[in-house]
Structure formats: structure tokens, C-alpha cells
Amino acid sequence: MIQGNSNFLNRLGLESFDLGYMAVGILVLAVLILILIIILIIQIVKVNKLKKRLDKFLAGKEGASLEQDIIALFEDNKFLKNSTDKNRKDISILFKKMESTYQKMGLVKYDAFNQMGGQLSYSLALLDENDNGFIINSVHSVDGCYSYSKEIRNSDNQITLSAEEEEALAIAKKSIKQAEKRKE
């Protein structure tokens, strides 16, 4: 045990303090300081790398700020969302209107009196989505051409249909189903 008789230690009140313990303590503190300096250097290097990456990331094209680009993207996204909502409403309105438009058609050509040849007479059925519509029958003869119509409500009519009109009505009812099969 080395006793120090130093003026400095006496003033601190450590006149009986062992200098060996003090040397070990100073050595331990020096090692800790060295470790902390190494950790500090490593952290400074990491922060500099991150700063460079962040500067590169935020630089954007031609020096424009990435923040401005992100704000512009959000504005574009908002515009697209509003446009999509409007388009959905418009499409819904169009589908509602389409229910009452004539979507189904059936045409049967025939020779009404077996006189003229060439099947100049015809029955034309036009129906909407709910099978409401009409049948136009045009009869062509040597004396002239006569046309008349019959109303169809829910696939039914009040007046008896001829064979050609029945066939045109059946073709019209099937026309949407056949178009849907072709799409598949």
C-alpha cells in the first residue's frame, strides 16, 4: 500500500488514500473514456451517412423539394377520388336510364301472301330491360305496304300475336342472353 503525502491530496482530505487504488480508478476511467470516444466516432459516421441519404432523398428532381412532390401527389389523389366518385354517380344514373331504353330486338322477315317473293314483310320487336316495348308488323303486298304496332307490357300483350310476331318477340327476349354469352 502506497501512501501519498501530497499537498494536493491533503487539501482534498485524502491524505490517507492509497495511490494504487487511485491509479486503477484513473486507468478504468481512461478505458471508459476511450470506449465512449470510439462509440461517439461510430455514431458521428452513422449520422453523416444518414444525413447524406436524407439530403439525397429530399433533393428531388432538379432541386425541387420532395415535400412539394408529396403535396402534389396528395392533391392529384384527391382529384382522382372526386372524379371516381362523380363517375360512379354518373354510371349509376346511366344504368337507371338504360332500364327504359330498348335493348332487345327481334326481327323476322317473311312473305305474307306468297305472291311477291323476297320476304318483304317483317315483324320487329323492341323491348327494354323489363320486357316492355312494342312490335311493329309491316305487311307488304301487291296492293301496298301496311304497318301496325302492338304494345308489349312485361312480356305480355292484350292482342293476339301472329306466328311471326311471336317469333320476333321470342328472338328479342333471347337477344340479351346471347350477347352476354358472347362476351364470356
C-alpha atoms as a PDB file:
ATOM      1  CA  MET A   1       0.000   0.000   0.000  1.00  0.00           C
ATOM      2  CA  ILE A   2       1.474   3.218  -1.161  1.00  0.00           C
ATOM      3  CA  GLN A   3       0.578   6.185   0.919  1.00  0.00           C
ATOM      4  CA  GLY A   4       0.709   9.520  -0.706  1.00  0.00           C
ATOM      5  CA  ASN A   5       1.842  12.532   1.206  1.00  0.00           C
ATOM      6  CA  SER A   6       0.976  15.030  -1.372  1.00  0.00           C
ATOM      7  CA  ASN A   7      -0.086  18.572  -0.748  1.00  0.00           C
ATOM      8  CA  PHE A   8      -2.827  18.152  -3.312  1.00  0.00           C
ATOM      9  CA  LEU A   9      -4.270  15.055  -1.614  1.00  0.00           C
ATOM     10  CA  ASN A  10      -4.030  16.712   1.777  1.00  0.00           C
ATOM     11  CA  ARG A  11      -6.046  19.662   0.583  1.00  0.00           C
ATOM     12  CA  LEU A  12      -8.720  17.311  -0.772  1.00  0.00           C
ATOM     13  CA  GLY A  13      -8.863  15.464   2.512  1.00  0.00           C
ATOM     14  CA  LEU A  14      -7.418  12.289   1.015  1.00  0.00           C
ATOM     15  CA  GLU A  15      -4.070  12.158   2.832  1.00  0.00           C
ATOM     16  CA  SER A  16      -4.531   8.527   3.825  1.00  0.00           C
ATOM     17  CA  PHE A  17      -5.841   7.439   0.390  1.00  0.00           C
ATOM     18  CA  ASP A  18      -3.952   4.630  -1.349  1.00  0.00           C
ATOM     19  CA  LEU A  19      -2.379   5.809  -4.627  1.00  0.00           C
ATOM     20  CA  GLY A  20      -2.650   2.300  -6.147  1.00  0.00           C
ATOM     21  CA  TYR A  21      -6.438   2.448  -5.960  1.00  0.00           C
ATOM     22  CA  MET A  22      -6.351   5.873  -7.475  1.00  0.00           C
ATOM     23  CA  ALA A  23      -4.156   4.652 -10.370  1.00  0.00           C
ATOM     24  CA  VAL A  24      -6.554   1.747 -11.042  1.00  0.00           C
ATOM     25  CA  GLY A  25      -9.528   4.142 -10.934  1.00  0.00           C
ATOM     26  CA  ILE A  26      -7.851   6.524 -13.339  1.00  0.00           C
ATOM     27  CA  LEU A  27      -6.976   3.631 -15.659  1.00  0.00           C
ATOM     28  CA  VAL A  28     -10.592   2.361 -15.612  1.00  0.00           C
ATOM     29  CA  LEU A  29     -11.888   5.865 -16.318  1.00  0.00           C
ATOM     30  CA  ALA A  30      -9.378   6.260 -19.172  1.00  0.00           C
ATOM     31  CA  VAL A  31     -10.586   2.973 -20.729  1.00  0.00           C
ATOM     32  CA  LEU A  32     -14.233   4.085 -20.368  1.00  0.00           C
ATOM     33  CA  ILE A  33     -13.447   7.433 -21.960  1.00  0.00           C
ATOM     34  CA  LEU A  34     -11.660   5.655 -24.819  1.00  0.00           C
ATOM     35  CA  ILE A  35     -14.668   3.351 -25.369  1.00  0.00           C
ATOM     36  CA  LEU A  36     -17.039   6.330 -25.309  1.00  0.00           C
ATOM     37  CA  ILE A  37     -14.871   8.200 -27.819  1.00  0.00           C
ATOM     38  CA  ILE A  38     -14.951   5.169 -30.157  1.00  0.00           C
ATOM     39  CA  ILE A  39     -18.759   4.914 -29.806  1.00  0.00           C
ATOM     40  CA  LEU A  40     -19.047   8.663 -30.440  1.00  0.00           C
ATOM     41  CA  ILE A  41     -16.963   8.399 -33.628  1.00  0.00           C
ATOM     42  CA  ILE A  42     -19.090   5.478 -34.866  1.00  0.00           C
ATOM     43  CA  GLN A  43     -22.286   7.450 -34.185  1.00  0.00           C
ATOM     44  CA  ILE A  44     -20.948  10.539 -35.955  1.00  0.00           C
ATOM     45  CA  VAL A  45     -20.137   8.423 -39.033  1.00  0.00           C
ATOM     46  CA  LYS A  46     -23.635   6.882 -38.988  1.00  0.00           C
ATOM     47  CA  VAL A  47     -25.322  10.271 -38.601  1.00  0.00           C
ATOM     48  CA  ASN A  48     -23.289  11.672 -41.506  1.00  0.00           C
ATOM     49  CA  LYS A  49     -24.295   8.732 -43.712  1.00  0.00           C
ATOM     50  CA  LEU A  50     -27.954   9.215 -42.773  1.00  0.00           C
ATOM     51  CA  LYS A  51     -27.693  12.947 -43.404  1.00  0.00           C
ATOM     52  CA  LYS A  52     -26.270  12.327 -46.879  1.00  0.00           C
ATOM     53  CA  ARG A  53     -29.039   9.824 -47.644  1.00  0.00           C
ATOM     54  CA  LEU A  54     -31.699  12.211 -46.344  1.00  0.00           C
ATOM     55  CA  ASP A  55     -30.298  15.124 -48.359  1.00  0.00           C
ATOM     56  CA  LYS A  56     -30.247  12.958 -51.484  1.00  0.00           C
ATOM     57  CA  PHE A  57     -33.800  11.734 -50.764  1.00  0.00           C
ATOM     58  CA  LEU A  58     -35.170  15.217 -50.149  1.00  0.00           C
ATOM     59  CA  ALA A  59     -33.364  16.815 -53.080  1.00  0.00           C
ATOM     60  CA  GLY A  60     -35.913  15.551 -55.611  1.00  0.00           C
ATOM     61  CA  LYS A  61     -35.701  16.239 -59.301  1.00  0.00           C
ATOM     62  CA  GLU A  62     -33.917  19.395 -60.367  1.00  0.00           C
ATOM     63  CA  GLY A  63     -33.610  20.506 -56.773  1.00  0.00           C
ATOM     64  CA  ALA A  64     -37.362  20.501 -56.145  1.00  0.00           C
ATOM     65  CA  SER A  65     -38.392  19.551 -52.666  1.00  0.00           C
ATOM     66  CA  LEU A  66     -39.769  16.072 -52.079  1.00  0.00           C
ATOM     67  CA  GLU A  67     -42.304  17.643 -49.760  1.00  0.00           C
ATOM     68  CA  GLN A  68     -43.754  19.631 -52.664  1.00  0.00           C
ATOM     69  CA  ASP A  69     -43.925  16.469 -54.766  1.00  0.00           C
ATOM     70  CA  ILE A  70     -45.755  14.633 -51.974  1.00  0.00           C
ATOM     71  CA  ILE A  71     -48.232  17.514 -51.580  1.00  0.00           C
ATOM     72  CA  ALA A  72     -48.847  17.469 -55.345  1.00  0.00           C
ATOM     73  CA  LEU A  73     -49.429  13.705 -55.224  1.00  0.00           C
ATOM     74  CA  PHE A  74     -51.974  14.116 -52.424  1.00  0.00           C
ATOM     75  CA  GLU A  75     -53.774  16.801 -54.446  1.00  0.00           C
ATOM     76  CA  ASP A  76     -53.795  14.528 -57.509  1.00  0.00           C
ATOM     77  CA  ASN A  77     -55.083  11.673 -55.369  1.00  0.00           C
ATOM     78  CA  LYS A  78     -57.885  13.875 -54.028  1.00  0.00           C
ATOM     79  CA  PHE A  79     -58.803  14.952 -57.576  1.00  0.00           C
ATOM     80  CA  LEU A  80     -58.848  11.321 -58.757  1.00  0.00           C
ATOM     81  CA  LYS A  81     -61.017  10.280 -55.804  1.00  0.00           C
ATOM     82  CA  ASN A  82     -63.516  13.066 -56.532  1.00  0.00           C
ATOM     83  CA  SER A  83     -63.529  12.158 -60.232  1.00  0.00           C
ATOM     84  CA  THR A  84     -64.082   8.494 -59.400  1.00  0.00           C
ATOM     85  CA  ASP A  85     -66.990   9.344 -57.097  1.00  0.00           C
ATOM     86  CA  LYS A  86     -68.562  11.541 -59.792  1.00  0.00           C
ATOM     87  CA  ASN A  87     -68.068   8.823 -62.425  1.00  0.00           C
ATOM     88  CA  ARG A  88     -69.730   6.240 -60.165  1.00  0.00           C
ATOM     89  CA  LYS A  89     -72.755   8.512 -59.710  1.00  0.00           C
ATOM     90  CA  ASP A  90     -72.936   9.189 -63.451  1.00  0.00           C
ATOM     91  CA  ILE A  91     -72.679   5.482 -64.265  1.00  0.00           C
ATOM     92  CA  SER A  92     -75.425   4.731 -61.751  1.00  0.00           C
ATOM     93  CA  ILE A  93     -77.667   7.332 -63.422  1.00  0.00           C
ATOM     94  CA  LEU A  94     -76.890   5.867 -66.861  1.00  0.00           C
ATOM     95  CA  PHE A  95     -77.755   2.344 -65.710  1.00  0.00           C
ATOM     96  CA  LYS A  96     -81.031   3.629 -64.271  1.00  0.00           C
ATOM     97  CA  LYS A  97     -81.849   5.350 -67.572  1.00  0.00           C
ATOM     98  CA  MET A  98     -80.887   2.258 -69.556  1.00  0.00           C
ATOM     99  CA  GLU A  99     -83.633   0.245 -67.875  1.00  0.00           C
ATOM    100  CA  SER A 100     -86.183   2.071 -70.015  1.00  0.00           C
ATOM    101  CA  THR A 101     -84.232   2.072 -73.300  1.00  0.00           C
ATOM    102  CA  TYR A 102     -84.844  -0.532 -75.950  1.00  0.00           C
ATOM    103  CA  GLN A 103     -82.121  -3.118 -75.516  1.00  0.00           C
ATOM    104  CA  LYS A 104     -83.617  -6.230 -77.023  1.00  0.00           C
ATOM    105  CA  MET A 105     -84.518  -6.651 -80.664  1.00  0.00           C
ATOM    106  CA  GLY A 106     -86.060  -9.442 -82.668  1.00  0.00           C
ATOM    107  CA  LEU A 107     -86.633  -9.309 -86.434  1.00  0.00           C
ATOM    108  CA  VAL A 108     -88.467 -11.889 -88.520  1.00  0.00           C
ATOM    109  CA  LYS A 109     -88.776 -11.418 -92.295  1.00  0.00           C
ATOM    110  CA  TYR A 110     -91.445 -13.336 -94.172  1.00  0.00           C
ATOM    111  CA  ASP A 111     -93.508 -13.442 -97.359  1.00  0.00           C
ATOM    112  CA  ALA A 112     -97.027 -12.508 -96.207  1.00  0.00           C
ATOM    113  CA  PHE A 113     -99.034 -13.640 -99.248  1.00  0.00           C
ATOM    114  CA  ASN A 114     -96.608 -15.888-101.134  1.00  0.00           C
ATOM    115  CA  GLN A 115     -97.027 -13.542-104.116  1.00  0.00           C
ATOM    116  CA  MET A 116     -94.037 -11.285-104.256  1.00  0.00           C
ATOM    117  CA  GLY A 117     -91.117 -13.387-103.094  1.00  0.00           C
ATOM    118  CA  GLY A 118     -88.097 -11.960-101.364  1.00  0.00           C
ATOM    119  CA  GLN A 119     -89.678 -11.841 -97.903  1.00  0.00           C
ATOM    120  CA  LEU A 120     -90.567  -8.125 -97.946  1.00  0.00           C
ATOM    121  CA  SER A 121     -92.859  -8.303 -94.883  1.00  0.00           C
ATOM    122  CA  TYR A 122     -91.399  -8.239 -91.376  1.00  0.00           C
ATOM    123  CA  SER A 123     -92.165  -8.250 -87.658  1.00  0.00           C
ATOM    124  CA  LEU A 124     -89.863  -6.199 -85.444  1.00  0.00           C
ATOM    125  CA  ALA A 125     -89.957  -6.485 -81.633  1.00  0.00           C
ATOM    126  CA  LEU A 126     -88.174  -3.880 -79.473  1.00  0.00           C
ATOM    127  CA  LEU A 127     -88.067  -4.420 -75.685  1.00  0.00           C
ATOM    128  CA  ASP A 128     -86.449  -2.722 -72.703  1.00  0.00           C
ATOM    129  CA  GLU A 129     -84.790  -4.449 -69.744  1.00  0.00           C
ATOM    130  CA  ASN A 130     -88.167  -5.299 -68.179  1.00  0.00           C
ATOM    131  CA  ASP A 131     -89.578  -6.701 -71.444  1.00  0.00           C
ATOM    132  CA  ASN A 132     -91.746  -3.639 -72.093  1.00  0.00           C
ATOM    133  CA  GLY A 133     -91.913  -2.309 -75.639  1.00  0.00           C
ATOM    134  CA  PHE A 134     -93.722  -2.894 -78.898  1.00  0.00           C
ATOM    135  CA  ILE A 135     -93.928  -4.994 -82.025  1.00  0.00           C
ATOM    136  CA  ILE A 136     -94.157  -3.388 -85.455  1.00  0.00           C
ATOM    137  CA  ASN A 137     -95.545  -5.605 -88.160  1.00  0.00           C
ATOM    138  CA  SER A 138     -95.197  -4.491 -91.762  1.00  0.00           C
ATOM    139  CA  VAL A 139     -97.156  -6.485 -94.333  1.00  0.00           C
ATOM    140  CA  HIS A 140     -96.099  -5.964 -97.944  1.00  0.00           C
ATOM    141  CA  SER A 141     -98.476  -6.953-100.731  1.00  0.00           C
ATOM    142  CA  VAL A 142     -99.067  -6.144-104.383  1.00  0.00           C
ATOM    143  CA  ASP A 143    -101.592  -3.506-103.342  1.00  0.00           C
ATOM    144  CA  GLY A 144     -99.291  -1.723-100.852  1.00  0.00           C
ATOM    145  CA  CYS A 145     -97.484  -1.878 -97.569  1.00  0.00           C
ATOM    146  CA  TYR A 146     -99.400  -1.824 -94.273  1.00  0.00           C
ATOM    147  CA  SER A 147     -97.763  -1.333 -90.889  1.00  0.00           C
ATOM    148  CA  TYR A 148     -99.223  -1.666 -87.428  1.00  0.00           C
ATOM    149  CA  SER A 149     -97.903  -1.923 -83.906  1.00  0.00           C
ATOM    150  CA  LYS A 150     -98.777  -3.813 -80.748  1.00  0.00           C
ATOM    151  CA  GLU A 151     -97.763  -2.794 -77.237  1.00  0.00           C
ATOM    152  CA  ILE A 152     -95.918  -5.288 -75.034  1.00  0.00           C
ATOM    153  CA  ARG A 153     -96.020  -4.982 -71.213  1.00  0.00           C
ATOM    154  CA  ASN A 154     -93.901  -7.344 -69.102  1.00  0.00           C
ATOM    155  CA  SER A 155     -93.576  -9.757 -71.993  1.00  0.00           C
ATOM    156  CA  ASP A 156     -97.350  -9.858 -72.433  1.00  0.00           C
ATOM    157  CA  ASN A 157     -99.814  -8.161 -74.751  1.00  0.00           C
ATOM    158  CA  GLN A 158    -103.577  -7.641 -74.885  1.00  0.00           C
ATOM    159  CA  ILE A 159    -103.947  -8.561 -78.572  1.00  0.00           C
ATOM    160  CA  THR A 160    -103.247 -11.980 -80.039  1.00  0.00           C
ATOM    161  CA  LEU A 161     -99.922 -12.180 -81.865  1.00  0.00           C
ATOM    162  CA  SER A 162     -99.314 -13.806 -85.220  1.00  0.00           C
ATOM    163  CA  ALA A 163     -96.731 -16.586 -85.531  1.00  0.00           C
ATOM    164  CA  GLU A 164     -94.165 -14.137 -86.964  1.00  0.00           C
ATOM    165  CA  GLU A 165     -94.793 -11.647 -84.131  1.00  0.00           C
ATOM    166  CA  GLU A 166     -94.434 -14.423 -81.529  1.00  0.00           C
ATOM    167  CA  GLU A 167     -91.148 -15.456 -83.144  1.00  0.00           C
ATOM    168  CA  ALA A 168     -89.858 -11.844 -83.193  1.00  0.00           C
ATOM    169  CA  LEU A 169     -90.822 -11.474 -79.505  1.00  0.00           C
ATOM    170  CA  ALA A 170     -89.009 -14.721 -78.598  1.00  0.00           C
ATOM    171  CA  ILE A 171     -85.885 -13.613 -80.500  1.00  0.00           C
ATOM    172  CA  ALA A 172     -85.936 -10.246 -78.707  1.00  0.00           C
ATOM    173  CA  LYS A 173     -86.187 -11.896 -75.272  1.00  0.00           C
ATOM    174  CA  LYS A 174     -83.176 -14.102 -76.058  1.00  0.00           C
ATOM    175  CA  SER A 175     -81.050 -11.359 -77.664  1.00  0.00           C
ATOM    176  CA  ILE A 176     -79.533 -10.025 -74.401  1.00  0.00           C
ATOM    177  CA  LYS A 177     -78.745 -13.516 -73.133  1.00  0.00           C
ATOM    178  CA  GLN A 178     -76.944 -14.362 -76.379  1.00  0.00           C
ATOM    179  CA  ALA A 179     -74.940 -11.111 -76.250  1.00  0.00           C
ATOM    180  CA  GLU A 180     -73.878 -11.862 -72.660  1.00  0.00           C
ATOM    181  CA  LYS A 181     -72.747 -15.371 -73.665  1.00  0.00           C
ATOM    182  CA  ARG A 182     -70.617 -13.931 -76.496  1.00  0.00           C
ATOM    183  CA  LYS A 183     -68.889 -11.589 -74.040  1.00  0.00           C
ATOM    184  CA  GLU A 184     -67.898 -14.508 -71.826  1.00  0.00           C
END
